[in-house]
Protein backbone atom coordinates (compact mmCIF):
# COMPACT_ATOMS: atom_id res chain seq x y z
CA UNK A 1 29.65 -92.67 7.99
CA UNK A 2 27.77 -94.05 5.00
CA UNK A 3 29.55 -97.29 4.14
CA UNK A 4 27.39 -97.75 1.04
CA UNK A 5 29.26 -94.97 -0.81
CA UNK A 6 32.76 -96.09 0.20
CA UNK A 7 34.94 -98.41 -1.84
CA UNK A 8 35.32 -101.87 -0.33
CA UNK A 9 38.15 -104.36 -0.56
CA UNK A 10 37.44 -108.04 -1.37
CA UNK A 11 37.77 -108.72 2.38
CA UNK A 12 35.13 -106.26 3.56
CA UNK A 13 32.57 -108.94 4.47
CA UNK A 14 35.19 -110.79 6.52
CA UNK A 15 35.91 -107.65 8.53
CA UNK A 16 32.20 -107.15 9.09
CA UNK A 17 31.81 -110.76 10.24
CA UNK A 18 34.64 -110.22 12.74
CA UNK A 19 32.76 -107.13 14.00
CA UNK A 20 35.66 -104.84 13.15
CA UNK A 21 35.20 -101.12 13.61
CA UNK A 22 35.06 -99.72 10.07
CA UNK A 23 36.21 -96.19 9.19
CA UNK A 24 36.47 -94.06 6.06
CA UNK A 25 40.13 -94.18 5.03
CA UNK A 26 40.66 -92.11 1.90
CA UNK A 27 37.30 -93.20 0.49
CA UNK A 28 37.70 -96.85 1.50
CA UNK A 29 35.71 -98.70 4.16
CA UNK A 30 38.60 -100.13 6.17
CA UNK A 31 38.92 -101.89 9.56
CA UNK A 32 40.60 -99.67 12.14
CA UNK A 33 40.49 -102.37 14.85
CA UNK A 34 38.99 -105.77 15.65
CA UNK A 35 39.67 -106.01 19.39
CA UNK A 36 41.68 -102.91 20.29
CA UNK A 37 44.73 -101.15 18.92
CA UNK A 38 47.11 -102.06 21.76
CA UNK A 39 46.22 -105.76 21.59
CA UNK A 40 46.70 -105.89 17.81
CA UNK A 41 49.90 -103.86 18.05
CA UNK A 42 51.47 -106.13 20.69
CA UNK A 43 50.32 -109.25 18.86
CA UNK A 44 52.16 -108.08 15.74
CA UNK A 45 55.31 -107.20 17.70
CA UNK A 46 55.36 -110.49 19.64
CA UNK A 47 53.72 -112.99 17.27
CA UNK A 48 51.99 -112.03 14.01
CA UNK A 49 49.26 -109.78 12.66
CA UNK A 50 47.40 -110.04 9.35
CA UNK A 51 46.46 -106.80 7.57
CA UNK A 52 44.13 -106.14 4.65
CA UNK A 53 46.08 -103.85 2.31
CA UNK A 54 43.98 -104.44 -0.82
CA UNK A 55 43.29 -100.71 -1.10
CA UNK A 56 46.84 -99.98 -2.24
CA UNK A 57 47.65 -99.58 -5.92
CA UNK A 58 49.61 -101.72 -8.36
CA UNK A 59 50.83 -100.45 -11.73
CA UNK A 60 52.54 -102.67 -14.31
CA UNK A 61 55.18 -101.15 -16.61
CA UNK A 62 56.29 -103.36 -19.51
CA UNK A 63 58.37 -102.81 -22.61
CA UNK A 64 61.84 -102.03 -24.00
CA UNK A 65 61.92 -98.56 -22.39
CA UNK A 66 60.22 -99.43 -19.09
CA UNK A 67 63.46 -98.79 -17.19
CA UNK A 68 64.07 -95.52 -19.05
CA UNK A 69 60.65 -94.23 -18.01
CA UNK A 70 61.12 -95.24 -14.36
CA UNK A 71 64.59 -93.72 -14.24
CA UNK A 72 63.08 -90.41 -15.33
CA UNK A 73 60.06 -90.35 -12.99
CA UNK A 74 61.68 -91.84 -9.86
CA UNK A 75 64.50 -90.53 -7.65
CA UNK A 76 66.17 -93.90 -7.04
CA UNK A 77 68.70 -95.28 -9.51
CA UNK A 78 67.23 -98.58 -10.70
CA UNK A 79 70.01 -99.44 -13.17
CA UNK A 80 71.53 -102.09 -10.89
CA UNK A 81 68.21 -103.54 -9.68
CA UNK A 82 68.08 -107.32 -10.08
CA UNK A 83 65.06 -109.39 -11.04
CA UNK A 84 63.37 -110.39 -7.79
CA UNK A 85 64.52 -107.27 -5.95
CA UNK A 86 62.29 -104.55 -4.46
CA UNK A 87 63.42 -100.92 -4.18
CA UNK A 88 61.78 -98.01 -2.38
CA UNK A 89 61.73 -94.77 -4.35
CA UNK A 90 60.00 -91.40 -4.54
CA UNK A 91 57.82 -89.94 -7.29
CA UNK A 92 58.22 -86.16 -7.43
CA UNK A 93 56.43 -83.29 -9.11
CA UNK A 94 58.32 -80.64 -11.11
CA UNK A 95 58.88 -78.61 -7.93
CA UNK A 96 60.61 -81.52 -6.19
CA UNK A 97 57.66 -82.29 -3.91
CA UNK A 98 56.69 -85.86 -3.00
CA UNK A 99 53.70 -87.18 -4.92
CA UNK A 100 54.23 -90.65 -3.47
CA UNK A 101 56.79 -92.97 -1.92
CA UNK A 102 56.36 -96.31 -3.66
CA UNK A 103 58.07 -99.64 -4.13
CA UNK A 104 59.42 -100.96 -7.42
CA UNK A 105 59.38 -104.70 -8.12
CA UNK A 106 61.59 -105.84 -10.99
CA UNK A 107 59.66 -108.76 -12.50
CA UNK A 108 62.12 -109.39 -15.36
CA UNK A 109 64.41 -107.48 -17.71
CA UNK A 110 61.73 -105.21 -19.18
CA UNK A 111 58.91 -105.61 -16.69
CA UNK A 112 58.21 -103.82 -13.41
CA UNK A 113 55.40 -103.51 -10.88
CA UNK A 114 54.95 -100.30 -8.91
CA UNK A 115 53.13 -100.58 -5.58
CA UNK A 116 51.64 -97.23 -4.60
CA UNK A 117 49.93 -95.81 -1.57
CA UNK A 118 46.14 -95.87 -1.74
CA UNK A 119 45.30 -92.15 -1.67
CA UNK A 120 47.74 -90.90 -4.38
CA UNK A 121 47.33 -93.95 -6.66
CA UNK A 122 45.25 -92.15 -9.30
CA UNK A 123 47.61 -89.16 -9.16
CA UNK A 124 50.59 -91.52 -9.59
CA UNK A 125 48.96 -93.20 -12.57
CA UNK A 126 48.01 -89.96 -14.34
CA UNK A 127 51.45 -88.39 -13.75
CA UNK A 128 53.51 -91.37 -14.94
CA UNK A 129 51.16 -92.02 -17.88
CA UNK A 130 51.34 -88.38 -19.02
CA UNK A 131 55.15 -88.42 -19.00
CA UNK A 132 55.25 -91.73 -20.86
CA UNK A 133 52.99 -90.33 -23.56
CA UNK A 134 54.67 -86.90 -23.77
CA UNK A 135 58.17 -88.38 -24.08
CA UNK A 136 57.09 -91.31 -26.28
CA UNK A 137 58.65 -94.08 -24.18
CA UNK A 138 58.24 -97.51 -25.79
CA UNK A 139 56.46 -99.25 -22.93
CA UNK A 140 52.93 -100.05 -21.79
CA UNK A 141 51.35 -99.11 -18.46
CA UNK A 142 48.53 -101.14 -16.95
CA UNK A 143 46.63 -100.43 -13.74
CA UNK A 144 46.33 -103.75 -11.89
CA UNK A 145 44.81 -102.30 -8.72
CA UNK A 146 41.20 -103.40 -9.16
CA UNK A 147 42.13 -107.01 -9.89
CA UNK A 148 44.87 -107.40 -7.28
CA UNK A 149 44.48 -108.36 -3.63
CA UNK A 150 47.21 -107.67 -1.08
CA UNK A 151 47.81 -108.92 2.46
CA UNK A 152 50.54 -108.00 4.92
CA UNK A 153 51.56 -110.77 7.31
CA UNK A 154 53.84 -109.14 9.87
CA UNK A 155 55.61 -110.26 13.03
CA UNK A 156 58.30 -112.64 14.31
CA UNK A 157 56.20 -115.76 13.60
CA UNK A 158 55.10 -114.70 10.12
CA UNK A 159 57.63 -116.91 8.32
CA UNK A 160 56.57 -119.94 10.33
CA UNK A 161 52.90 -119.28 9.55
CA UNK A 162 53.28 -118.52 5.85
CA UNK A 163 55.61 -121.48 5.28
CA UNK A 164 52.72 -123.81 6.13
CA UNK A 165 50.89 -122.61 3.02
CA UNK A 166 53.70 -121.86 0.57
CA UNK A 167 56.06 -124.04 -1.44
CA UNK A 168 58.64 -121.24 -1.55
CA UNK A 169 61.64 -121.63 0.73
CA UNK A 170 60.96 -118.49 2.74
CA UNK A 171 64.09 -118.80 4.83
CA UNK A 172 66.07 -117.98 1.69
CA UNK A 173 63.97 -114.94 0.74
CA UNK A 174 65.98 -111.85 1.65
CA UNK A 175 64.56 -108.57 2.92
CA UNK A 176 63.27 -106.35 0.10
CA UNK A 177 63.19 -109.26 -2.33
CA UNK A 178 60.27 -111.26 -3.73
CA UNK A 179 59.44 -114.51 -5.44
CA UNK A 180 56.59 -115.92 -7.49
CA UNK A 181 55.05 -118.93 -5.80
CA UNK A 182 51.76 -120.30 -4.52
CA UNK A 183 49.99 -119.53 -1.26
CA UNK A 184 47.20 -121.90 -0.20
CA UNK A 185 47.30 -123.34 -3.72
CA UNK A 186 46.86 -119.99 -5.48
CA UNK A 187 49.42 -118.18 -7.62
CA UNK A 188 50.95 -115.32 -5.64
CA UNK A 189 53.84 -112.92 -5.38
CA UNK A 190 55.50 -112.99 -1.96
CA UNK A 191 57.80 -110.16 -0.89
CA UNK A 192 59.70 -109.86 2.37
CA UNK A 193 59.12 -106.32 3.58
CA UNK A 194 56.44 -104.36 5.38
CA UNK A 195 55.36 -101.23 7.18
CA UNK A 196 55.64 -102.29 10.82
CA UNK A 197 59.35 -102.58 11.58
CA UNK A 198 58.99 -106.34 12.05
CA UNK A 199 59.98 -109.23 9.84
CA UNK A 200 57.11 -110.06 7.55
CA UNK A 201 55.69 -110.60 4.11
CA UNK A 202 53.44 -108.98 1.55
CA UNK A 203 51.25 -111.35 -0.43
CA UNK A 204 49.77 -110.39 -3.81
CA UNK A 205 47.14 -112.54 -5.51
CA UNK A 206 44.00 -112.09 -7.56
CA UNK A 207 41.30 -110.25 -5.67
CA UNK A 208 38.94 -113.15 -6.43
CA UNK A 209 41.01 -115.54 -4.29
CA UNK A 210 42.54 -113.24 -1.66
CA UNK A 211 39.67 -114.01 0.74
CA UNK A 212 40.47 -117.73 0.63
CA UNK A 213 44.14 -116.99 1.32
CA UNK A 214 43.08 -114.80 4.27
CA UNK A 215 40.95 -117.62 5.71
CA UNK A 216 43.66 -120.23 5.36
CA UNK A 217 46.30 -118.00 6.91
CA UNK A 218 44.00 -117.26 9.86
CA UNK A 219 43.34 -120.99 10.23
CA UNK A 220 46.96 -122.22 10.17
CA UNK A 221 48.12 -119.26 12.26
CA UNK A 222 45.51 -119.59 15.01
CA UNK A 223 47.60 -121.90 17.19
CA UNK A 224 50.63 -119.67 16.72
CA UNK A 225 48.82 -116.58 17.96
CA UNK A 226 47.99 -114.89 14.63
CA UNK A 227 45.27 -112.24 14.79
CA UNK A 228 43.80 -109.81 12.27
CA UNK A 229 45.06 -106.26 12.75
CA UNK A 230 43.55 -102.98 11.59
CA UNK A 231 44.72 -99.57 10.50
CA UNK A 232 45.00 -98.37 14.10
CA UNK A 233 47.76 -100.86 14.94
CA UNK A 234 49.33 -100.35 11.53
CA UNK A 235 49.67 -96.66 12.37
CA UNK A 236 51.20 -97.14 15.83
CA UNK A 237 53.55 -99.83 14.51
CA UNK A 238 54.81 -97.73 11.61
CA UNK A 239 55.26 -94.65 13.79
CA UNK A 240 57.31 -96.53 16.38
CA UNK A 241 59.50 -97.72 13.50
CA UNK A 242 59.98 -94.20 12.14
CA UNK A 243 58.04 -94.82 8.93
CA UNK A 244 56.15 -91.94 7.37
CA UNK A 245 52.52 -91.75 6.28
CA UNK A 246 51.90 -90.30 2.84
CA UNK A 247 49.59 -87.30 2.99
CA UNK A 248 50.34 -86.71 6.66
CA UNK A 249 54.10 -86.70 7.23
CA UNK A 250 54.80 -85.75 3.59
CA UNK A 251 52.96 -84.38 0.60
CA UNK A 252 53.64 -82.49 -2.63
CA UNK A 253 54.84 -79.42 -0.73
CA UNK A 254 57.60 -81.41 0.97
CA UNK A 255 60.84 -82.63 -0.59
CA UNK A 256 62.61 -85.92 0.18
CA UNK A 257 65.51 -83.88 1.58
CA UNK A 258 63.29 -82.52 4.38
CA UNK A 259 62.28 -86.02 5.51
CA UNK A 260 64.49 -89.10 6.04
CA UNK A 261 64.47 -89.90 2.30
CA UNK A 262 67.73 -88.40 1.15
CA UNK A 263 69.06 -91.95 0.77
CA UNK A 264 66.58 -92.75 -2.03
CA UNK A 265 67.63 -89.72 -4.09
CA UNK A 266 70.43 -90.33 -6.60
CA UNK A 267 71.85 -86.92 -7.47
CA UNK A 268 74.04 -88.43 -10.21
CA UNK A 269 71.10 -89.21 -12.50
CA UNK A 270 68.41 -87.09 -14.10
CA UNK A 271 64.85 -87.29 -12.81
CA UNK A 272 61.79 -85.07 -12.85
CA UNK A 273 61.96 -82.61 -9.98
CA UNK A 274 65.75 -82.79 -9.65
CA UNK A 275 66.42 -79.18 -10.70
CA UNK A 276 64.03 -77.81 -8.10
CA UNK A 277 65.28 -80.27 -5.49
CA UNK A 278 68.92 -79.27 -5.99
CA UNK A 279 67.95 -75.60 -5.85
CA UNK A 280 66.30 -76.19 -2.47
CA UNK A 281 69.43 -77.97 -1.27
CA UNK A 282 71.73 -75.18 -2.46
CA UNK A 283 69.67 -72.44 -0.84
CA UNK A 284 69.59 -74.38 2.42
CA UNK A 285 66.78 -76.30 4.06
CA UNK A 286 64.76 -74.43 6.65
CA UNK A 287 63.04 -77.40 8.31
CA UNK A 288 63.47 -81.08 8.98
CA UNK A 289 61.20 -83.94 9.99
CA UNK A 290 62.36 -85.24 13.38
CA UNK A 291 61.24 -87.61 16.09
CA UNK A 292 59.91 -86.21 19.32
CA UNK A 293 59.30 -87.74 22.72
CA UNK A 294 56.90 -86.24 25.22
CA UNK A 295 58.58 -85.68 28.58
CA UNK A 296 55.46 -84.06 30.02
CA UNK A 297 51.94 -85.46 30.16
CA UNK A 298 49.92 -85.71 26.98
CA UNK A 299 50.07 -86.99 23.40
CA UNK A 300 51.22 -84.88 20.46
CA UNK A 301 48.69 -85.13 17.63
CA UNK A 302 48.75 -84.16 13.97
CA UNK A 303 48.55 -80.39 13.58
CA UNK A 304 49.68 -79.44 17.09
CA UNK A 305 52.16 -76.54 17.17
CA UNK A 306 55.72 -76.93 18.47
CA UNK A 307 57.55 -74.21 20.40
CA UNK A 308 60.98 -73.48 21.84
CA UNK A 309 61.39 -70.70 24.35
CA UNK A 310 57.87 -69.48 23.52
CA UNK A 311 58.70 -69.17 19.80
CA UNK A 312 56.77 -71.33 17.33
CA UNK A 313 59.31 -73.57 15.57
CA UNK A 314 57.31 -76.38 14.01
CA UNK A 315 54.25 -78.55 13.70
CA UNK A 316 53.45 -82.15 14.62
CA UNK A 317 52.70 -84.47 11.68
CA UNK A 318 52.08 -87.74 13.57
CA UNK A 319 51.77 -88.66 17.22
CA UNK A 320 50.62 -91.52 19.39
CA UNK A 321 51.17 -93.43 22.60
CA UNK A 322 53.73 -96.15 21.92
CA UNK A 323 52.48 -99.49 23.28
CA UNK A 324 55.97 -101.00 22.94
CA UNK A 325 57.90 -98.19 24.62
CA UNK A 326 55.12 -97.11 27.00
CA UNK A 327 55.58 -93.42 26.19
CA UNK A 328 54.12 -90.78 23.89
CA UNK A 329 56.10 -90.20 20.68
CA UNK A 330 55.61 -88.38 17.42
CA UNK A 331 57.10 -86.75 14.34
CA UNK A 332 57.23 -83.04 13.61
CA UNK A 333 58.65 -80.57 11.16
CA UNK A 334 61.08 -78.42 13.15
CA UNK A 335 63.21 -75.42 12.25
CA UNK A 336 66.70 -76.66 11.40
CA UNK A 337 68.36 -74.90 14.34
CA UNK A 338 66.08 -76.81 16.74
CA UNK A 339 66.36 -80.24 15.09
CA UNK A 340 69.36 -81.65 16.97
CA UNK A 341 68.53 -84.68 19.18
CA UNK A 342 67.93 -83.87 22.87
CA UNK A 343 66.88 -80.29 22.05
CA UNK A 344 64.12 -79.38 24.54
CA UNK A 345 60.86 -78.27 22.92
CA UNK A 346 57.21 -77.81 23.91
CA UNK A 347 54.03 -79.01 22.23
CA UNK A 348 50.80 -77.05 22.51
CA UNK A 349 48.14 -79.59 23.51
CA UNK A 350 44.85 -77.69 23.50
CA UNK A 351 45.37 -74.90 26.04
CA UNK A 352 48.47 -76.40 27.66
CA UNK A 353 52.12 -76.26 26.60
CA UNK A 354 53.73 -79.61 27.40
CA UNK A 355 57.44 -80.47 27.58
CA UNK A 356 59.04 -82.69 24.94
CA UNK A 357 62.42 -83.26 23.32
CA UNK A 358 63.81 -84.04 19.88
CA UNK A 359 64.99 -87.65 19.48
CA UNK A 360 66.52 -89.78 16.75
CA UNK A 361 64.36 -91.95 14.52
CA UNK A 362 63.33 -94.72 14.65
CA UNK A 363 61.90 -95.01 18.15
CA UNK A 364 61.88 -98.81 17.91
CA UNK A 365 64.16 -101.22 16.10
CA UNK A 366 63.54 -104.95 16.23
CA UNK A 367 66.15 -107.32 17.50
CA UNK A 368 67.54 -109.77 14.95
CA UNK A 369 66.22 -113.20 15.81
């Protein structure tokens, strides 16, 4: 891997100083682990982990018709969204396939911030911008990605740690809501959400100061067990919690009706891709993304084939060993007639066919504390 040609976040030197293992993640030099994946995973589940998420994208949409544009390009109905609220939605192509699953922050009456996944960010921008220009919506789009830093502080002690550095009353910040405040003396947006299944926060600030916020969080969190966590733990945490990875569990060939995203599709409003999506629904879906649990030995990995009674019925999209549950789990697209929980299936692991079964998602759900 040639790190000199990869994009780097503002925190790259800090990862290098911590001797993190760096990998190429969609063209970014990102830390996959600092100690090891299981340690960072369990630390996040039991205490708190700090993640560098600066590679994700942020797009500002401002103007009198900002809402009109977003209503057309996104599946979720945003008409009732309140200022300070965050909503998950899907951006579809004309064929009803998922370009991205992104979050929408309502900053004020005519102002929104979209937070995109890293890999499809440029595709998101070009698609939304082209529709805005073609339809003549009276609003302005601005790509904030290069100037914005983003941290995820996740785990049961995250509120206690962040409260030491923020004037915001975090106890009053509801899930999937945000506030503007200061963190370590710097202006920041703090949202209560995340990609791990734990309580936690996302912190947005200028990329020029995000390193100082990282240092201060690590300092005040040290006695409370906070550790940096890499993409490896982020992946095992999200998979345990039944959260999908863009580009792996879904892409532009897959509709939100084939994955657990039917709830973010409002069929009562118009949006790009709706006609194709409804046609797919009417004709009947042939496959469904399900959870699977290995009952035999081995780990299901991305791309492994799934069988039932020697007939190929699906393919694994994600798989890992769950440090929390101490078993191998995964997600797979399965023929509809094999998608019922407890259906016995087999996964082809190299030259061996290993027993598994279909299970409900998520695999892990945190206890309310």
